C-alpha cells in the first residue's frame, strides 16, 4: 500500500510543479505531469468536464491542475450554506467551485496528501479571492476532520487511486452528518473485467488499474453504511472502463425515544 501511495504522491507532485510552468498554455490539455490520463487520450480527463461559464474567475492554474474525470460539484447538487469536503483536492478547482455554490454561509474543505498540490491550491484560493475555503494535509483514508462535520463529500477521480478503498468510504461516512450526501466522479470498471484485466488497460497512477467495478463499488458503499447508492457510467476511458457518477446518502439519525412517541 505504501508503495502505491508514494507513487501517486510523486506523480501528483510532478503535476503540480508542471502547472506552474504551463500556466500560460491552454487549460486541461491532458493531465500535466503525467498523473490521471497518462494512459488515456484526448479529453477523457481534465477541466473539459466543466461548463466554460462556470470556470469564470477560477485561476488558470487551478484549471490546468484538474486531473479529474467528471464534475462532482454538479453531481452533488450543492446548496447555499452547506459544508463540503473534497477528497484529494489537488489544485483546488472543485473546492473553489463548491465554495461559490455554497456561498458565504457555507464552507468548502479540501484534503490532499501532496504538499506541492496544497501549496498550489492555497495560491489558487488567494488568486480567486475565496475566503470560505480551507485546504488540509492528510490522506483520504484518515481524514483530518471531526465526525459529522460536513454535509457533502465530493471527489474527482481519486478514490480509484487509493490502496484501501473500504477505509476511504468508511472515513467519508464518518465525517458526513446524518442525512449527508456523497457525490463523486471516478473511473469504474464493468463487472465483467477482472482486476488483472483492468491492469492490462492502464496503470494505477493512470486511474485505471485501481478502479473498482460497479458491483464492487455498490458493495463497499453498503458495507460502509451508505444507502440509496447508485453508480452511473458516463463515458469510456478504456475498453470496459468508464468515467462514472457515484451517489449515496448517509442515513438520517434515528429518532430518540422521546421523538418516536
C-alpha atoms as a PDB file:
ATOM      1  CA  UNK A   1       0.000   0.000   0.000  1.00  0.00           C
ATOM      2  CA  UNK A   2       2.773   2.439   0.889  1.00  0.00           C
ATOM      3  CA  UNK A   3       4.455   1.878  -2.482  1.00  0.00           C
ATOM      4  CA  UNK A   4       1.247   2.770  -4.328  1.00  0.00           C
ATOM      5  CA  UNK A   5       0.679   5.844  -2.176  1.00  0.00           C
ATOM      6  CA  UNK A   6       4.257   7.034  -2.657  1.00  0.00           C
ATOM      7  CA  UNK A   7       3.998   6.631  -6.429  1.00  0.00           C
ATOM      8  CA  UNK A   8       0.713   8.559  -6.527  1.00  0.00           C
ATOM      9  CA  UNK A   9       2.211  11.315  -4.360  1.00  0.00           C
ATOM     10  CA  UNK A  10       5.251  11.589  -6.617  1.00  0.00           C
ATOM     11  CA  UNK A  11       3.226  11.791  -9.810  1.00  0.00           C
ATOM     12  CA  UNK A  12       0.870  14.415  -8.399  1.00  0.00           C
ATOM     13  CA  UNK A  13       3.781  16.465  -7.088  1.00  0.00           C
ATOM     14  CA  UNK A  14       5.146  16.439 -10.647  1.00  0.00           C
ATOM     15  CA  UNK A  15       1.748  17.524 -11.938  1.00  0.00           C
ATOM     16  CA  UNK A  16       1.624  20.460  -9.505  1.00  0.00           C
ATOM     17  CA  UNK A  17       5.081  21.748 -10.424  1.00  0.00           C
ATOM     18  CA  UNK A  18       4.320  21.326 -14.120  1.00  0.00           C
ATOM     19  CA  UNK A  19       1.255  23.545 -13.783  1.00  0.00           C
ATOM     20  CA  UNK A  20       3.377  26.470 -12.683  1.00  0.00           C
ATOM     21  CA  UNK A  21       5.462  26.134 -15.838  1.00  0.00           C
ATOM     22  CA  UNK A  22       2.418  25.654 -18.067  1.00  0.00           C
ATOM     23  CA  UNK A  23       0.166  28.397 -16.666  1.00  0.00           C
ATOM     24  CA  UNK A  24       0.094  30.256 -19.969  1.00  0.00           C
ATOM     25  CA  UNK A  25      -0.902  27.188 -22.009  1.00  0.00           C
ATOM     26  CA  UNK A  26      -4.422  26.091 -22.983  1.00  0.00           C
ATOM     27  CA  UNK A  27      -6.195  24.699 -19.883  1.00  0.00           C
ATOM     28  CA  UNK A  28      -6.578  20.940 -19.430  1.00  0.00           C
ATOM     29  CA  UNK A  29      -4.555  19.639 -22.348  1.00  0.00           C
ATOM     30  CA  UNK A  30      -4.347  16.114 -20.932  1.00  0.00           C
ATOM     31  CA  UNK A  31      -3.013  15.850 -17.355  1.00  0.00           C
ATOM     32  CA  UNK A  32       0.099  17.912 -16.695  1.00  0.00           C
ATOM     33  CA  UNK A  33       2.946  15.963 -15.136  1.00  0.00           C
ATOM     34  CA  UNK A  34       1.621  12.553 -16.116  1.00  0.00           C
ATOM     35  CA  UNK A  35      -0.997  11.862 -13.444  1.00  0.00           C
ATOM     36  CA  UNK A  36      -4.536  10.726 -14.301  1.00  0.00           C
ATOM     37  CA  UNK A  37      -4.841  10.290 -18.013  1.00  0.00           C
ATOM     38  CA  UNK A  38      -1.308   9.100 -18.744  1.00  0.00           C
ATOM     39  CA  UNK A  39      -2.867   6.064 -20.359  1.00  0.00           C
ATOM     40  CA  UNK A  40      -5.837   7.922 -21.818  1.00  0.00           C
ATOM     41  CA  UNK A  41      -6.107  10.312 -24.736  1.00  0.00           C
ATOM     42  CA  UNK A  42      -7.965  13.417 -25.862  1.00  0.00           C
ATOM     43  CA  UNK A  43     -10.411  14.853 -23.301  1.00  0.00           C
ATOM     44  CA  UNK A  44     -11.124  11.876 -21.063  1.00  0.00           C
ATOM     45  CA  UNK A  45      -9.520  13.589 -18.073  1.00  0.00           C
ATOM     46  CA  UNK A  46      -9.212  17.262 -17.108  1.00  0.00           C
ATOM     47  CA  UNK A  47     -11.107  20.537 -16.889  1.00  0.00           C
ATOM     48  CA  UNK A  48     -13.084  19.961 -20.093  1.00  0.00           C
ATOM     49  CA  UNK A  49     -15.883  18.412 -17.999  1.00  0.00           C
ATOM     50  CA  UNK A  50     -16.815  21.835 -16.628  1.00  0.00           C
ATOM     51  CA  UNK A  51     -19.037  24.343 -18.352  1.00  0.00           C
ATOM     52  CA  UNK A  52     -16.835  27.190 -19.552  1.00  0.00           C
ATOM     53  CA  UNK A  53     -19.044  29.791 -17.883  1.00  0.00           C
ATOM     54  CA  UNK A  54     -18.635  28.033 -14.524  1.00  0.00           C
ATOM     55  CA  UNK A  55     -14.870  28.463 -14.774  1.00  0.00           C
ATOM     56  CA  UNK A  56     -15.075  32.253 -14.998  1.00  0.00           C
ATOM     57  CA  UNK A  57     -12.961  33.629 -12.179  1.00  0.00           C
ATOM     58  CA  UNK A  58     -11.269  30.279 -11.493  1.00  0.00           C
ATOM     59  CA  UNK A  59      -7.475  30.725 -11.829  1.00  0.00           C
ATOM     60  CA  UNK A  60      -5.950  29.123 -14.902  1.00  0.00           C
ATOM     61  CA  UNK A  61      -3.545  27.283 -12.590  1.00  0.00           C
ATOM     62  CA  UNK A  62      -6.493  25.502 -10.956  1.00  0.00           C
ATOM     63  CA  UNK A  63      -7.871  24.553 -14.365  1.00  0.00           C
ATOM     64  CA  UNK A  64      -4.514  23.245 -15.549  1.00  0.00           C
ATOM     65  CA  UNK A  65      -4.196  21.137 -12.398  1.00  0.00           C
ATOM     66  CA  UNK A  66      -7.577  19.466 -12.926  1.00  0.00           C
ATOM     67  CA  UNK A  67      -6.862  15.757 -13.319  1.00  0.00           C
ATOM     68  CA  UNK A  68     -10.411  14.531 -12.870  1.00  0.00           C
ATOM     69  CA  UNK A  69     -12.863  12.501 -14.906  1.00  0.00           C
ATOM     70  CA  UNK A  70     -16.057  14.467 -14.288  1.00  0.00           C
ATOM     71  CA  UNK A  71     -17.716  17.340 -12.423  1.00  0.00           C
ATOM     72  CA  UNK A  72     -18.546  16.255  -8.857  1.00  0.00           C
ATOM     73  CA  UNK A  73     -19.723  19.738  -7.907  1.00  0.00           C
ATOM     74  CA  UNK A  74     -22.647  19.378 -10.304  1.00  0.00           C
ATOM     75  CA  UNK A  75     -23.216  15.758  -9.268  1.00  0.00           C
ATOM     76  CA  UNK A  76     -23.529  16.701  -5.600  1.00  0.00           C
ATOM     77  CA  UNK A  77     -26.208  19.370  -6.207  1.00  0.00           C
ATOM     78  CA  UNK A  78     -24.668  21.727  -3.669  1.00  0.00           C
ATOM     79  CA  UNK A  79     -26.873  24.214  -1.815  1.00  0.00           C
ATOM     80  CA  UNK A  80     -26.226  27.530  -0.085  1.00  0.00           C
ATOM     81  CA  UNK A  81     -24.948  27.155   3.465  1.00  0.00           C
ATOM     82  CA  UNK A  82     -23.687  23.596   3.115  1.00  0.00           C
ATOM     83  CA  UNK A  83     -20.311  22.346   4.307  1.00  0.00           C
ATOM     84  CA  UNK A  84     -18.406  20.433   1.635  1.00  0.00           C
ATOM     85  CA  UNK A  85     -15.315  18.237   1.672  1.00  0.00           C
ATOM     86  CA  UNK A  86     -13.338  17.347  -1.461  1.00  0.00           C
ATOM     87  CA  UNK A  87     -11.269  14.152  -1.176  1.00  0.00           C
ATOM     88  CA  UNK A  88      -7.957  14.556  -2.983  1.00  0.00           C
ATOM     89  CA  UNK A  89      -8.496  18.229  -3.747  1.00  0.00           C
ATOM     90  CA  UNK A  90      -5.393  18.714  -5.906  1.00  0.00           C
ATOM     91  CA  UNK A  91      -5.070  22.229  -7.306  1.00  0.00           C
ATOM     92  CA  UNK A  92      -8.392  23.220  -5.756  1.00  0.00           C
ATOM     93  CA  UNK A  93     -10.750  23.564  -8.722  1.00  0.00           C
ATOM     94  CA  UNK A  94     -13.624  21.631  -7.114  1.00  0.00           C
ATOM     95  CA  UNK A  95     -13.156  23.327  -3.754  1.00  0.00           C
ATOM     96  CA  UNK A  96     -13.315  26.762  -5.376  1.00  0.00           C
ATOM     97  CA  UNK A  97     -16.385  25.840  -7.422  1.00  0.00           C
ATOM     98  CA  UNK A  98     -18.010  24.352  -4.306  1.00  0.00           C
ATOM     99  CA  UNK A  99     -17.281  27.482  -2.280  1.00  0.00           C
ATOM    100  CA  UNK A 100     -19.043  29.524  -4.927  1.00  0.00           C
ATOM    101  CA  UNK A 101     -22.074  27.188  -4.867  1.00  0.00           C
ATOM    102  CA  UNK A 102     -22.490  27.111  -1.080  1.00  0.00           C
ATOM    103  CA  UNK A 103     -21.974  30.852  -0.769  1.00  0.00           C
ATOM    104  CA  UNK A 104     -20.691  32.921   2.148  1.00  0.00           C
ATOM    105  CA  UNK A 105     -22.752  30.996   4.698  1.00  0.00           C
ATOM    106  CA  UNK A 106     -21.233  27.694   3.564  1.00  0.00           C
ATOM    107  CA  UNK A 107     -17.697  26.338   3.595  1.00  0.00           C
ATOM    108  CA  UNK A 108     -15.559  24.117   1.374  1.00  0.00           C
ATOM    109  CA  UNK A 109     -12.705  21.939   2.630  1.00  0.00           C
ATOM    110  CA  UNK A 110     -10.081  20.126   0.610  1.00  0.00           C
ATOM    111  CA  UNK A 111      -7.835  17.291   1.735  1.00  0.00           C
ATOM    112  CA  UNK A 112      -4.691  16.296  -0.137  1.00  0.00           C
ATOM    113  CA  UNK A 113      -1.516  14.400   0.773  1.00  0.00           C
ATOM    114  CA  UNK A 114       0.772  16.214  -1.679  1.00  0.00           C
ATOM    115  CA  UNK A 115       2.497  19.320  -0.353  1.00  0.00           C
ATOM    116  CA  UNK A 116       3.008  20.745  -3.838  1.00  0.00           C
ATOM    117  CA  UNK A 117      -0.699  20.464  -4.633  1.00  0.00           C
ATOM    118  CA  UNK A 118      -1.667  22.016  -1.311  1.00  0.00           C
ATOM    119  CA  UNK A 119       0.595  24.985  -1.964  1.00  0.00           C
ATOM    120  CA  UNK A 120      -0.867  25.378  -5.454  1.00  0.00           C
ATOM    121  CA  UNK A 121      -4.441  25.125  -4.137  1.00  0.00           C
ATOM    122  CA  UNK A 122      -3.850  27.761  -1.469  1.00  0.00           C
ATOM    123  CA  UNK A 123      -2.312  30.082  -4.053  1.00  0.00           C
ATOM    124  CA  UNK A 124      -5.315  29.494  -6.323  1.00  0.00           C
ATOM    125  CA  UNK A 125      -7.733  30.293  -3.491  1.00  0.00           C
ATOM    126  CA  UNK A 126      -5.890  33.552  -2.869  1.00  0.00           C
ATOM    127  CA  UNK A 127      -5.990  34.439  -6.580  1.00  0.00           C
ATOM    128  CA  UNK A 128      -9.723  33.723  -6.656  1.00  0.00           C
ATOM    129  CA  UNK A 129     -10.373  35.739  -3.507  1.00  0.00           C
ATOM    130  CA  UNK A 130     -12.085  32.753  -1.865  1.00  0.00           C
ATOM    131  CA  UNK A 131     -12.407  33.153   1.896  1.00  0.00           C
ATOM    132  CA  UNK A 132     -14.771  30.275   2.730  1.00  0.00           C
ATOM    133  CA  UNK A 133     -12.227  27.533   1.933  1.00  0.00           C
ATOM    134  CA  UNK A 134      -9.523  25.570   3.730  1.00  0.00           C
ATOM    135  CA  UNK A 135      -7.023  23.015   2.468  1.00  0.00           C
ATOM    136  CA  UNK A 136      -5.798  20.335   4.879  1.00  0.00           C
ATOM    137  CA  UNK A 137      -2.844  17.969   4.608  1.00  0.00           C
ATOM    138  CA  UNK A 138      -3.870  14.352   5.051  1.00  0.00           C
ATOM    139  CA  UNK A 139      -4.822  11.137   3.323  1.00  0.00           C
ATOM    140  CA  UNK A 140      -8.319  10.218   2.239  1.00  0.00           C
ATOM    141  CA  UNK A 141      -8.001   7.030   4.310  1.00  0.00           C
ATOM    142  CA  UNK A 142      -7.521   9.087   7.511  1.00  0.00           C
ATOM    143  CA  UNK A 143      -9.356  12.370   7.108  1.00  0.00           C
ATOM    144  CA  UNK A 144      -8.269  15.260   9.370  1.00  0.00           C
ATOM    145  CA  UNK A 145     -11.853  16.360  10.093  1.00  0.00           C
ATOM    146  CA  UNK A 146     -14.170  15.576  13.022  1.00  0.00           C
ATOM    147  CA  UNK A 147     -17.131  13.215  12.923  1.00  0.00           C
ATOM    148  CA  UNK A 148     -20.326  14.556  11.306  1.00  0.00           C
ATOM    149  CA  UNK A 149     -18.592  17.805  10.308  1.00  0.00           C
ATOM    150  CA  UNK A 150     -19.697  18.142   6.658  1.00  0.00           C
ATOM    151  CA  UNK A 151     -22.926  17.879   4.709  1.00  0.00           C
ATOM    152  CA  UNK A 152     -21.474  16.702   1.393  1.00  0.00           C
ATOM    153  CA  UNK A 153     -18.399  14.715   0.388  1.00  0.00           C
ATOM    154  CA  UNK A 154     -17.190  15.048  -3.198  1.00  0.00           C
ATOM    155  CA  UNK A 155     -14.184  13.678  -5.064  1.00  0.00           C
ATOM    156  CA  UNK A 156     -12.921  13.715  -8.636  1.00  0.00           C
ATOM    157  CA  UNK A 157     -11.120  10.639  -9.942  1.00  0.00           C
ATOM    158  CA  UNK A 158      -9.259   9.996  -6.689  1.00  0.00           C
ATOM    159  CA  UNK A 159     -10.925   7.065  -4.911  1.00  0.00           C
ATOM    160  CA  UNK A 160      -9.617   4.713  -7.621  1.00  0.00           C
ATOM    161  CA  UNK A 161      -6.062   5.757  -6.632  1.00  0.00           C
ATOM    162  CA  UNK A 162      -6.411   4.637  -3.015  1.00  0.00           C
ATOM    163  CA  UNK A 163      -4.924   1.284  -1.994  1.00  0.00           C
ATOM    164  CA  UNK A 164      -7.575   0.996   0.766  1.00  0.00           C
ATOM    165  CA  UNK A 165     -10.949   1.916  -0.707  1.00  0.00           C
ATOM    166  CA  UNK A 166     -13.085   0.436   2.112  1.00  0.00           C
ATOM    167  CA  UNK A 167     -11.280   2.759   4.515  1.00  0.00           C
ATOM    168  CA  UNK A 168     -11.870   5.770   2.228  1.00  0.00           C
ATOM    169  CA  UNK A 169     -15.609   5.157   2.122  1.00  0.00           C
ATOM    170  CA  UNK A 170     -15.746   4.475   5.866  1.00  0.00           C
ATOM    171  CA  UNK A 171     -13.989   7.806   6.508  1.00  0.00           C
ATOM    172  CA  UNK A 172     -16.357   9.626   4.146  1.00  0.00           C
ATOM    173  CA  UNK A 173     -19.270   8.123   6.076  1.00  0.00           C
ATOM    174  CA  UNK A 174     -17.729   9.175   9.400  1.00  0.00           C
ATOM    175  CA  UNK A 175     -17.263  12.846   8.541  1.00  0.00           C
ATOM    176  CA  UNK A 176     -20.719  13.200   6.977  1.00  0.00           C
ATOM    177  CA  UNK A 177     -23.527  14.488   9.142  1.00  0.00           C
ATOM    178  CA  UNK A 178     -26.650  12.293   9.297  1.00  0.00           C
ATOM    179  CA  UNK A 179     -28.535  12.710   6.039  1.00  0.00           C
ATOM    180  CA  UNK A 180     -25.350  13.876   4.301  1.00  0.00           C
ATOM    181  CA  UNK A 181     -24.573  13.075   0.672  1.00  0.00           C
ATOM    182  CA  UNK A 182     -21.733  11.514  -1.261  1.00  0.00           C
ATOM    183  CA  UNK A 183     -21.374  12.746  -4.848  1.00  0.00           C
ATOM    184  CA  UNK A 184     -18.189  11.802  -6.663  1.00  0.00           C
ATOM    185  CA  UNK A 185     -16.763  11.227 -10.114  1.00  0.00           C
ATOM    186  CA  UNK A 186     -14.499   8.221 -10.544  1.00  0.00           C
ATOM    187  CA  UNK A 187     -13.240   5.642 -13.003  1.00  0.00           C
ATOM    188  CA  UNK A 188     -15.254   2.424 -12.739  1.00  0.00           C
ATOM    189  CA  UNK A 189     -14.876  -0.920 -14.476  1.00  0.00           C
ATOM    190  CA  UNK A 190     -17.626  -3.020 -15.979  1.00  0.00           C
ATOM    191  CA  UNK A 191     -18.356  -6.028 -13.785  1.00  0.00           C
ATOM    192  CA  UNK A 192     -17.054  -8.389 -16.487  1.00  0.00           C
ATOM    193  CA  UNK A 193     -13.452  -7.223 -16.015  1.00  0.00           C
ATOM    194  CA  UNK A 194     -11.196  -8.944 -13.501  1.00  0.00           C
ATOM    195  CA  UNK A 195      -8.558  -6.931 -11.603  1.00  0.00           C
ATOM    196  CA  UNK A 196      -5.889  -8.359 -13.916  1.00  0.00           C
ATOM    197  CA  UNK A 197      -7.847  -7.267 -16.982  1.00  0.00           C
ATOM    198  CA  UNK A 198      -8.178  -3.752 -15.549  1.00  0.00           C
ATOM    199  CA  UNK A 199      -4.409  -3.631 -15.005  1.00  0.00           C
ATOM    200  CA  UNK A 200      -3.878  -4.600 -18.642  1.00  0.00           C
ATOM    201  CA  UNK A 201      -5.766  -1.460 -19.704  1.00  0.00           C
ATOM    202  CA  UNK A 202      -3.676   1.086 -17.811  1.00  0.00           C
ATOM    203  CA  UNK A 203      -1.562   1.867 -14.767  1.00  0.00           C
ATOM    204  CA  UNK A 204      -2.609   2.505 -11.177  1.00  0.00           C
ATOM    205  CA  UNK A 205      -1.462   6.136 -11.247  1.00  0.00           C
ATOM    206  CA  UNK A 206      -3.192   6.493 -14.614  1.00  0.00           C
ATOM    207  CA  UNK A 207      -6.513   5.923 -12.775  1.00  0.00           C
ATOM    208  CA  UNK A 208      -7.209   2.603 -14.495  1.00  0.00           C
ATOM    209  CA  UNK A 209      -5.672  -0.421 -12.737  1.00  0.00           C
ATOM    210  CA  UNK A 210      -7.038   0.509  -9.296  1.00  0.00           C
ATOM    211  CA  UNK A 211     -10.619   1.131 -10.401  1.00  0.00           C
ATOM    212  CA  UNK A 212     -13.465  -0.740  -8.728  1.00  0.00           C
ATOM    213  CA  UNK A 213     -16.185  -2.448 -10.728  1.00  0.00           C
ATOM    214  CA  UNK A 214     -19.775  -1.236 -10.463  1.00  0.00           C
ATOM    215  CA  UNK A 215     -20.707  -4.172  -8.266  1.00  0.00           C
ATOM    216  CA  UNK A 216     -17.675  -3.755  -6.028  1.00  0.00           C
ATOM    217  CA  UNK A 217     -18.419  -0.074  -5.553  1.00  0.00           C
ATOM    218  CA  UNK A 218     -22.011  -0.702  -4.559  1.00  0.00           C
ATOM    219  CA  UNK A 219     -20.985  -3.457  -2.145  1.00  0.00           C
ATOM    220  CA  UNK A 220     -18.384  -1.245  -0.449  1.00  0.00           C
ATOM    221  CA  UNK A 221     -20.811   1.661  -0.155  1.00  0.00           C
ATOM    222  CA  UNK A 222     -23.340  -0.617   1.542  1.00  0.00           C
ATOM    223  CA  UNK A 223     -20.674  -2.052   3.848  1.00  0.00           C
ATOM    224  CA  UNK A 224     -19.702   1.488   4.895  1.00  0.00           C
ATOM    225  CA  UNK A 225     -23.334   2.190   5.844  1.00  0.00           C
ATOM    226  CA  UNK A 226     -24.499   4.240   2.864  1.00  0.00           C
ATOM    227  CA  UNK A 227     -27.998   3.918   1.410  1.00  0.00           C
ATOM    228  CA  UNK A 228     -29.594   4.950  -1.888  1.00  0.00           C
ATOM    229  CA  UNK A 229     -26.319   4.164  -3.645  1.00  0.00           C
ATOM    230  CA  UNK A 230     -26.038   4.441  -7.415  1.00  0.00           C
ATOM    231  CA  UNK A 231     -23.123   4.098  -9.851  1.00  0.00           C
ATOM    232  CA  UNK A 232     -23.862   5.506 -13.312  1.00  0.00           C
ATOM    233  CA  UNK A 233     -21.363   5.071 -16.168  1.00  0.00           C
ATOM    234  CA  UNK A 234     -20.940   8.232 -18.255  1.00  0.00           C
ATOM    235  CA  UNK A 235     -18.111   7.923 -20.793  1.00  0.00           C
ATOM    236  CA  UNK A 236     -15.458   5.420 -21.867  1.00  0.00           C
ATOM    237  CA  UNK A 237     -11.828   5.874 -20.820  1.00  0.00           C
ATOM    238  CA  UNK A 238     -10.624   2.436 -21.949  1.00  0.00           C
ATOM    239  CA  UNK A 239     -12.153  -0.869 -23.068  1.00  0.00           C
ATOM    240  CA  UNK A 240     -14.653  -1.776 -20.345  1.00  0.00           C
ATOM    241  CA  UNK A 241     -13.565   1.202 -18.203  1.00  0.00           C
ATOM    242  CA  UNK A 242     -15.695   4.307 -17.758  1.00  0.00           C
ATOM    243  CA  UNK A 243     -15.943   7.643 -16.072  1.00  0.00           C
ATOM    244  CA  UNK A 244     -18.827   7.311 -13.617  1.00  0.00           C
ATOM    245  CA  UNK A 245     -21.023   9.249 -11.210  1.00  0.00           C
ATOM    246  CA  UNK A 246     -21.252   7.727  -7.737  1.00  0.00           C
ATOM    247  CA  UNK A 247     -24.009   8.887  -5.409  1.00  0.00           C
ATOM    248  CA  UNK A 248     -25.033   7.704  -1.948  1.00  0.00           C
ATOM    249  CA  UNK A 249     -26.558   9.012   1.277  1.00  0.00           C
ATOM    250  CA  UNK A 250     -25.757   8.619   4.948  1.00  0.00           C
ATOM    251  CA  UNK A 251     -28.978   7.666   6.752  1.00  0.00           C
ATOM    252  CA  UNK A 252     -30.600  10.360   8.838  1.00  0.00           C
ATOM    253  CA  UNK A 253     -30.195   9.947  12.570  1.00  0.00           C
ATOM    254  CA  UNK A 254     -32.636   7.535  14.141  1.00  0.00           C
ATOM    255  CA  UNK A 255     -35.275   9.284  16.285  1.00  0.00           C
ATOM    256  CA  UNK A 256     -34.732   9.327  20.044  1.00  0.00           C
ATOM    257  CA  UNK A 257     -37.144   7.550  22.354  1.00  0.00           C
ATOM    258  CA  UNK A 258     -38.900  10.829  23.150  1.00  0.00           C
ATOM    259  CA  UNK A 259     -39.162  11.842  19.459  1.00  0.00           C
ATOM    260  CA  UNK A 260     -40.668   8.492  18.466  1.00  0.00           C
ATOM    261  CA  UNK A 261     -43.505   8.678  20.978  1.00  0.00           C
END
